[in-house]
Amino acid sequence: VPTLNPHWEDWFYTWFLGMVDQWRGSYRHQYGNSTMPLLISKQGYNKSTFCRRLIPGELSWGFTDNMLLSEKRQVLQGMVQFLLINLDEFNQISPQVQQGFLKNIIQLPSVKMKPPYGSHVQEFPRMASFIATSNMEDILSDPSGNRRFLGVELTAPIDVSQLPNYEQLYAQALAALQAGEKTYFDAEQTKLIMASNRKFEVISP
């Protein structure tokens, strides 16, 4: 991912471990993977392809980029059924949804809902993590909540000419988790994230 952000690799690494750990059920009774990489550039920089390529073909059922946050029931079901949700065209999400619904669901460890044809509300473990793309820079409308986004501006198209070595990628992730590496951001890292995201905030008239 070509970028001038010196923290991007470390941030993405931590988020990726959090995503894999989410699938293992480690957050079921604590908290969810509450950050989201946000890839920002003009069109044609392979952002959506990069997001899709994070999931191997055998698990393609676990990826979606067709999720409307206005359909709250669909989103909650998606958080239980999918592995990775790409909020494509993030700039189209309204400030009200950013500051309300999205702010709430991104940190959920589990999801409470009534399943189809069900008669009462049940609790399900959350599986999905979030990633997002945008063609615009001024998109974050909640200054206090921008710590949830790992904003990165691309300087060139992402090279997607080759598929990742998925077995090696996920083997390394599991080895890192078993070694006790962090899957969350501490207070110092959070300050860096919030400072970096200021240039992506919506400027009030």
C-alpha atoms as a PDB file:
ATOM      1  CA  VAL A   1       0.000   0.000   0.000  1.00  0.00           C
ATOM      2  CA  PRO A   2       1.963   3.076  -1.204  1.00  0.00           C
ATOM      3  CA  THR A   3       1.624   5.870   1.361  1.00  0.00           C
ATOM      4  CA  LEU A   4       3.655   8.524   3.153  1.00  0.00           C
ATOM      5  CA  ASN A   5       2.099   7.588   6.501  1.00  0.00           C
ATOM      6  CA  PRO A   6       5.011   6.098   8.508  1.00  0.00           C
ATOM      7  CA  HIS A   7       2.666   4.290  10.900  1.00  0.00           C
ATOM      8  CA  TRP A   8       0.507   2.512   8.341  1.00  0.00           C
ATOM      9  CA  GLU A   9       2.290  -0.851   8.378  1.00  0.00           C
ATOM     10  CA  ASP A  10       2.211  -1.121  12.174  1.00  0.00           C
ATOM     11  CA  TRP A  11      -1.415  -0.020  12.334  1.00  0.00           C
ATOM     12  CA  PHE A  12      -2.543  -2.445   9.646  1.00  0.00           C
ATOM     13  CA  TYR A  13      -0.572  -5.274  11.277  1.00  0.00           C
ATOM     14  CA  THR A  14      -2.341  -4.742  14.601  1.00  0.00           C
ATOM     15  CA  TRP A  15      -5.756  -4.469  12.935  1.00  0.00           C
ATOM     16  CA  PHE A  16      -5.121  -7.643  10.902  1.00  0.00           C
ATOM     17  CA  LEU A  17      -4.270  -9.590  14.063  1.00  0.00           C
ATOM     18  CA  GLY A  18      -7.459  -8.231  15.622  1.00  0.00           C
ATOM     19  CA  MET A  19      -9.473  -9.457  12.630  1.00  0.00           C
ATOM     20  CA  VAL A  20      -8.056 -12.975  12.839  1.00  0.00           C
ATOM     21  CA  ASP A  21      -8.490 -13.046  16.612  1.00  0.00           C
ATOM     22  CA  GLN A  22     -12.127 -11.997  16.134  1.00  0.00           C
ATOM     23  CA  TRP A  23     -12.706 -15.118  14.034  1.00  0.00           C
ATOM     24  CA  ARG A  24     -11.284 -17.264  16.844  1.00  0.00           C
ATOM     25  CA  GLY A  25     -13.936 -15.959  19.229  1.00  0.00           C
ATOM     26  CA  SER A  26     -11.447 -14.245  21.524  1.00  0.00           C
ATOM     27  CA  TYR A  27     -13.611 -11.138  21.843  1.00  0.00           C
ATOM     28  CA  ARG A  28     -16.868 -12.900  22.486  1.00  0.00           C
ATOM     29  CA  HIS A  29     -17.261 -11.702  26.072  1.00  0.00           C
ATOM     30  CA  GLN A  30     -15.070  -8.579  26.016  1.00  0.00           C
ATOM     31  CA  TYR A  31     -14.994  -6.232  23.023  1.00  0.00           C
ATOM     32  CA  GLY A  32     -14.870  -6.299  19.240  1.00  0.00           C
ATOM     33  CA  ASN A  33     -12.189  -5.326  16.750  1.00  0.00           C
ATOM     34  CA  SER A  34     -13.052  -1.648  17.123  1.00  0.00           C
ATOM     35  CA  THR A  35     -10.827  -0.024  14.488  1.00  0.00           C
ATOM     36  CA  MET A  36     -11.226   0.170  10.733  1.00  0.00           C
ATOM     37  CA  PRO A  37      -8.583   0.787   8.016  1.00  0.00           C
ATOM     38  CA  LEU A  38      -9.761   3.591   5.744  1.00  0.00           C
ATOM     39  CA  LEU A  39      -8.047   3.692   2.334  1.00  0.00           C
ATOM     40  CA  ILE A  40      -8.309   7.124   0.687  1.00  0.00           C
ATOM     41  CA  SER A  41      -7.407   7.995  -2.913  1.00  0.00           C
ATOM     42  CA  LYS A  42      -8.890   8.891  -6.256  1.00  0.00           C
ATOM     43  CA  GLN A  43     -10.550   6.157  -8.310  1.00  0.00           C
ATOM     44  CA  GLY A  44      -8.502   3.458  -9.996  1.00  0.00           C
ATOM     45  CA  TYR A  45      -6.038   2.823  -7.149  1.00  0.00           C
ATOM     46  CA  ASN A  46      -7.210  -0.793  -6.566  1.00  0.00           C
ATOM     47  CA  LYS A  47      -8.530  -0.092  -3.069  1.00  0.00           C
ATOM     48  CA  SER A  48     -11.543  -2.399  -3.342  1.00  0.00           C
ATOM     49  CA  THR A  49      -9.463  -5.156  -4.932  1.00  0.00           C
ATOM     50  CA  PHE A  50      -6.962  -4.935  -2.079  1.00  0.00           C
ATOM     51  CA  CYS A  51      -9.750  -5.311   0.475  1.00  0.00           C
ATOM     52  CA  ARG A  52     -11.206  -8.299  -1.361  1.00  0.00           C
ATOM     53  CA  ARG A  53      -7.785  -9.967  -1.644  1.00  0.00           C
ATOM     54  CA  LEU A  54      -7.380 -10.070   2.142  1.00  0.00           C
ATOM     55  CA  ILE A  55      -9.719 -13.082   2.175  1.00  0.00           C
ATOM     56  CA  PRO A  56      -8.649 -16.271   0.332  1.00  0.00           C
ATOM     57  CA  GLY A  57     -10.841 -17.691  -2.409  1.00  0.00           C
ATOM     58  CA  GLU A  58     -11.945 -20.624  -0.265  1.00  0.00           C
ATOM     59  CA  LEU A  59     -13.479 -18.133   2.162  1.00  0.00           C
ATOM     60  CA  SER A  60     -14.910 -15.735  -0.421  1.00  0.00           C
ATOM     61  CA  TRP A  61     -18.356 -16.204   1.139  1.00  0.00           C
ATOM     62  CA  GLY A  62     -16.980 -14.312   4.134  1.00  0.00           C
ATOM     63  CA  PHE A  63     -16.379 -11.029   2.277  1.00  0.00           C
ATOM     64  CA  THR A  64     -18.942  -8.425   1.268  1.00  0.00           C
ATOM     65  CA  ASP A  65     -18.761  -4.888  -0.060  1.00  0.00           C
ATOM     66  CA  ASN A  66     -22.495  -4.562  -0.560  1.00  0.00           C
ATOM     67  CA  MET A  67     -23.684  -3.449   2.851  1.00  0.00           C
ATOM     68  CA  LEU A  68     -26.012  -0.508   3.452  1.00  0.00           C
ATOM     69  CA  LEU A  69     -25.688   0.898   6.960  1.00  0.00           C
ATOM     70  CA  SER A  70     -29.231   2.220   6.659  1.00  0.00           C
ATOM     71  CA  GLU A  71     -30.407  -1.417   6.684  1.00  0.00           C
ATOM     72  CA  LYS A  72     -29.576  -1.999  10.351  1.00  0.00           C
ATOM     73  CA  ARG A  73     -30.917  -5.536  10.536  1.00  0.00           C
ATOM     74  CA  GLN A  74     -28.870  -6.524   7.477  1.00  0.00           C
ATOM     75  CA  VAL A  75     -25.717  -5.054   9.040  1.00  0.00           C
ATOM     76  CA  LEU A  76     -26.210  -6.922  12.322  1.00  0.00           C
ATOM     77  CA  GLN A  77     -26.767 -10.181  10.443  1.00  0.00           C
ATOM     78  CA  GLY A  78     -23.661  -9.465   8.369  1.00  0.00           C
ATOM     79  CA  MET A  79     -21.557  -8.996  11.489  1.00  0.00           C
ATOM     80  CA  VAL A  80     -22.498 -12.543  12.518  1.00  0.00           C
ATOM     81  CA  GLN A  81     -22.217 -14.203   9.083  1.00  0.00           C
ATOM     82  CA  PHE A  82     -19.277 -12.507   7.339  1.00  0.00           C
ATOM     83  CA  LEU A  83     -15.545 -12.332   8.085  1.00  0.00           C
ATOM     84  CA  LEU A  84     -14.802  -8.917   6.580  1.00  0.00           C
ATOM     85  CA  ILE A  85     -17.170  -6.099   5.616  1.00  0.00           C
ATOM     86  CA  ASN A  86     -15.878  -3.443   3.237  1.00  0.00           C
ATOM     87  CA  LEU A  87     -17.737  -0.134   3.512  1.00  0.00           C
ATOM     88  CA  ASP A  88     -17.022   0.948  -0.051  1.00  0.00           C
ATOM     89  CA  GLU A  89     -17.479   4.657  -0.838  1.00  0.00           C
ATOM     90  CA  PHE A  90     -17.303   5.590   2.842  1.00  0.00           C
ATOM     91  CA  ASN A  91     -17.812   9.263   1.925  1.00  0.00           C
ATOM     92  CA  GLN A  92     -21.473   8.468   1.203  1.00  0.00           C
ATOM     93  CA  ILE A  93     -22.173   7.581   4.855  1.00  0.00           C
ATOM     94  CA  SER A  94     -23.986  10.439   6.562  1.00  0.00           C
ATOM     95  CA  PRO A  95     -22.570  12.178   9.671  1.00  0.00           C
ATOM     96  CA  GLN A  96     -25.579  11.005  11.672  1.00  0.00           C
ATOM     97  CA  VAL A  97     -24.871   7.352  10.842  1.00  0.00           C
ATOM     98  CA  GLN A  98     -21.142   7.798  11.539  1.00  0.00           C
ATOM     99  CA  GLN A  99     -21.745   9.320  14.949  1.00  0.00           C
ATOM    100  CA  GLY A 100     -24.561   6.977  15.892  1.00  0.00           C
ATOM    101  CA  PHE A 101     -25.071   3.514  14.462  1.00  0.00           C
ATOM    102  CA  LEU A 102     -21.541   2.920  13.112  1.00  0.00           C
ATOM    103  CA  LYS A 103     -19.905   4.236  16.276  1.00  0.00           C
ATOM    104  CA  ASN A 104     -21.927   1.735  18.282  1.00  0.00           C
ATOM    105  CA  ILE A 105     -21.634  -1.429  16.193  1.00  0.00           C
ATOM    106  CA  ILE A 106     -17.902  -1.220  15.465  1.00  0.00           C
ATOM    107  CA  GLN A 107     -17.086  -1.945  19.101  1.00  0.00           C
ATOM    108  CA  LEU A 108     -19.678  -4.663  19.772  1.00  0.00           C
ATOM    109  CA  PRO A 109     -18.303  -8.034  20.955  1.00  0.00           C
ATOM    110  CA  SER A 110     -21.583  -9.784  20.147  1.00  0.00           C
ATOM    111  CA  VAL A 111     -24.827  -9.037  18.356  1.00  0.00           C
ATOM    112  CA  LYS A 112     -28.340  -9.264  19.788  1.00  0.00           C
ATOM    113  CA  MET A 113     -31.106  -9.710  17.255  1.00  0.00           C
ATOM    114  CA  LYS A 114     -34.122 -11.798  16.380  1.00  0.00           C
ATOM    115  CA  PRO A 115     -33.118 -14.345  13.716  1.00  0.00           C
ATOM    116  CA  PRO A 116     -35.302 -14.883  10.632  1.00  0.00           C
ATOM    117  CA  TYR A 117     -38.450 -16.777  11.623  1.00  0.00           C
ATOM    118  CA  GLY A 118     -37.330 -16.511  15.263  1.00  0.00           C
ATOM    119  CA  SER A 119     -39.726 -15.640  18.046  1.00  0.00           C
ATOM    120  CA  HIS A 120     -37.336 -13.849  20.409  1.00  0.00           C
ATOM    121  CA  VAL A 121     -34.044 -11.953  20.490  1.00  0.00           C
ATOM    122  CA  GLN A 122     -30.870 -14.035  20.728  1.00  0.00           C
ATOM    123  CA  GLU A 123     -27.197 -13.193  21.232  1.00  0.00           C
ATOM    124  CA  PHE A 124     -24.687 -14.243  18.567  1.00  0.00           C
ATOM    125  CA  PRO A 125     -20.878 -13.917  18.565  1.00  0.00           C
ATOM    126  CA  ARG A 126     -19.635 -11.224  16.208  1.00  0.00           C
ATOM    127  CA  MET A 127     -17.355 -12.482  13.429  1.00  0.00           C
ATOM    128  CA  ALA A 128     -16.844  -9.575  11.033  1.00  0.00           C
ATOM    129  CA  SER A 129     -14.296  -6.791  11.122  1.00  0.00           C
ATOM    130  CA  PHE A 130     -14.637  -3.628   9.041  1.00  0.00           C
ATOM    131  CA  ILE A 131     -12.508  -1.957   6.380  1.00  0.00           C
ATOM    132  CA  ALA A 132     -13.442   1.035   4.204  1.00  0.00           C
ATOM    133  CA  THR A 133     -12.485   2.986   1.088  1.00  0.00           C
ATOM    134  CA  SER A 134     -13.152   6.541  -0.029  1.00  0.00           C
ATOM    135  CA  ASN A 135     -12.458   8.800  -3.011  1.00  0.00           C
ATOM    136  CA  MET A 136     -12.660  11.926  -0.849  1.00  0.00           C
ATOM    137  CA  GLU A 137     -10.502  13.249   2.001  1.00  0.00           C
ATOM    138  CA  ASP A 138     -12.910  15.260   4.178  1.00  0.00           C
ATOM    139  CA  ILE A 139     -15.073  12.393   5.417  1.00  0.00           C
ATOM    140  CA  LEU A 140     -14.745  11.967   9.209  1.00  0.00           C
ATOM    141  CA  SER A 141     -17.581  13.843  10.886  1.00  0.00           C
ATOM    142  CA  ASP A 142     -17.030  12.817  14.527  1.00  0.00           C
ATOM    143  CA  PRO A 143     -13.738  14.266  15.859  1.00  0.00           C
ATOM    144  CA  SER A 144     -14.033  12.373  19.134  1.00  0.00           C
ATOM    145  CA  GLY A 145     -14.620   9.117  17.280  1.00  0.00           C
ATOM    146  CA  ASN A 146     -11.948   9.331  14.610  1.00  0.00           C
ATOM    147  CA  ARG A 147      -9.694   7.103  16.724  1.00  0.00           C
ATOM    148  CA  ARG A 148     -11.684   4.202  15.294  1.00  0.00           C
ATOM    149  CA  PHE A 149     -10.371   4.841  11.783  1.00  0.00           C
ATOM    150  CA  LEU A 150      -6.886   4.052  10.495  1.00  0.00           C
ATOM    151  CA  GLY A 151      -6.935   6.654   7.740  1.00  0.00           C
ATOM    152  CA  VAL A 152      -4.270   6.358   5.046  1.00  0.00           C
ATOM    153  CA  GLU A 153      -3.917   8.372   1.846  1.00  0.00           C
ATOM    154  CA  LEU A 154      -2.496   6.436  -1.102  1.00  0.00           C
ATOM    155  CA  THR A 155       0.282   7.978  -3.195  1.00  0.00           C
ATOM    156  CA  ALA A 156      -0.001   5.432  -6.033  1.00  0.00           C
ATOM    157  CA  PRO A 157      -2.140   2.443  -7.051  1.00  0.00           C
ATOM    158  CA  ILE A 158      -1.836  -0.684  -4.911  1.00  0.00           C
ATOM    159  CA  ASP A 159      -0.013  -3.522  -6.671  1.00  0.00           C
ATOM    160  CA  VAL A 160      -2.538  -6.353  -6.957  1.00  0.00           C
ATOM    161  CA  SER A 161      -0.771  -8.254  -9.733  1.00  0.00           C
ATOM    162  CA  GLN A 162      -0.170 -11.275  -7.484  1.00  0.00           C
ATOM    163  CA  LEU A 163      -2.273 -13.064  -4.903  1.00  0.00           C
ATOM    164  CA  PRO A 164      -0.952 -13.107  -1.331  1.00  0.00           C
ATOM    165  CA  ASN A 165       0.526 -16.323   0.038  1.00  0.00           C
ATOM    166  CA  TYR A 166      -2.529 -16.938   2.212  1.00  0.00           C
ATOM    167  CA  GLU A 167      -1.217 -19.988   4.069  1.00  0.00           C
ATOM    168  CA  GLN A 168       1.913 -18.105   5.109  1.00  0.00           C
ATOM    169  CA  LEU A 169      -0.012 -14.892   5.869  1.00  0.00           C
ATOM    170  CA  TYR A 170      -2.466 -16.531   8.237  1.00  0.00           C
ATOM    171  CA  ALA A 171       0.116 -18.899   9.727  1.00  0.00           C
ATOM    172  CA  GLN A 172       2.168 -15.860  10.728  1.00  0.00           C
ATOM    173  CA  ALA A 173      -0.935 -14.172  12.158  1.00  0.00           C
ATOM    174  CA  LEU A 174      -1.754 -17.210  14.301  1.00  0.00           C
ATOM    175  CA  ALA A 175       1.859 -17.499  15.451  1.00  0.00           C
ATOM    176  CA  ALA A 176       1.828 -13.820  16.471  1.00  0.00           C
ATOM    177  CA  LEU A 177      -1.422 -14.270  18.388  1.00  0.00           C
ATOM    178  CA  GLN A 178      -0.115 -17.366  20.156  1.00  0.00           C
ATOM    179  CA  ALA A 179       2.991 -15.354  21.108  1.00  0.00           C
ATOM    180  CA  GLY A 180       0.726 -12.797  22.792  1.00  0.00           C
ATOM    181  CA  GLU A 181       1.119  -9.878  20.383  1.00  0.00           C
ATOM    182  CA  LYS A 182      -1.337  -6.998  20.814  1.00  0.00           C
ATOM    183  CA  THR A 183      -4.551  -6.809  18.836  1.00  0.00           C
ATOM    184  CA  TYR A 184      -5.534  -3.341  20.060  1.00  0.00           C
ATOM    185  CA  PHE A 185      -4.059   0.158  20.259  1.00  0.00           C
ATOM    186  CA  ASP A 186      -2.750   1.639  23.492  1.00  0.00           C
ATOM    187  CA  ALA A 187      -3.244   5.266  24.571  1.00  0.00           C
ATOM    188  CA  GLU A 188      -0.068   6.515  22.873  1.00  0.00           C
ATOM    189  CA  GLN A 189      -0.938   4.869  19.562  1.00  0.00           C
ATOM    190  CA  THR A 190      -4.488   6.197  19.790  1.00  0.00           C
ATOM    191  CA  LYS A 191      -3.140   9.754  20.097  1.00  0.00           C
ATOM    192  CA  LEU A 192      -1.083   9.233  16.926  1.00  0.00           C
ATOM    193  CA  ILE A 193      -4.111   7.860  15.079  1.00  0.00           C
ATOM    194  CA  MET A 194      -6.304  10.807  16.096  1.00  0.00           C
ATOM    195  CA  ALA A 195      -3.618  13.333  15.118  1.00  0.00           C
ATOM    196  CA  SER A 196      -3.115  11.640  11.747  1.00  0.00           C
ATOM    197  CA  ASN A 197      -6.868  11.609  11.052  1.00  0.00           C
ATOM    198  CA  ARG A 198      -7.376  15.346  11.600  1.00  0.00           C
ATOM    199  CA  LYS A 199      -6.727  16.093   7.935  1.00  0.00           C
ATOM    200  CA  PHE A 200      -9.596  13.754   7.000  1.00  0.00           C
ATOM    201  CA  GLU A 201     -12.172  15.470   9.209  1.00  0.00           C
ATOM    202  CA  VAL A 202     -15.105  17.358   7.726  1.00  0.00           C
ATOM    203  CA  ILE A 203     -14.508  21.096   8.162  1.00  0.00           C
ATOM    204  CA  SER A 204     -17.507  22.914   9.566  1.00  0.00           C
ATOM    205  CA  PRO A 205     -18.567  26.075   7.681  1.00  0.00           C
END
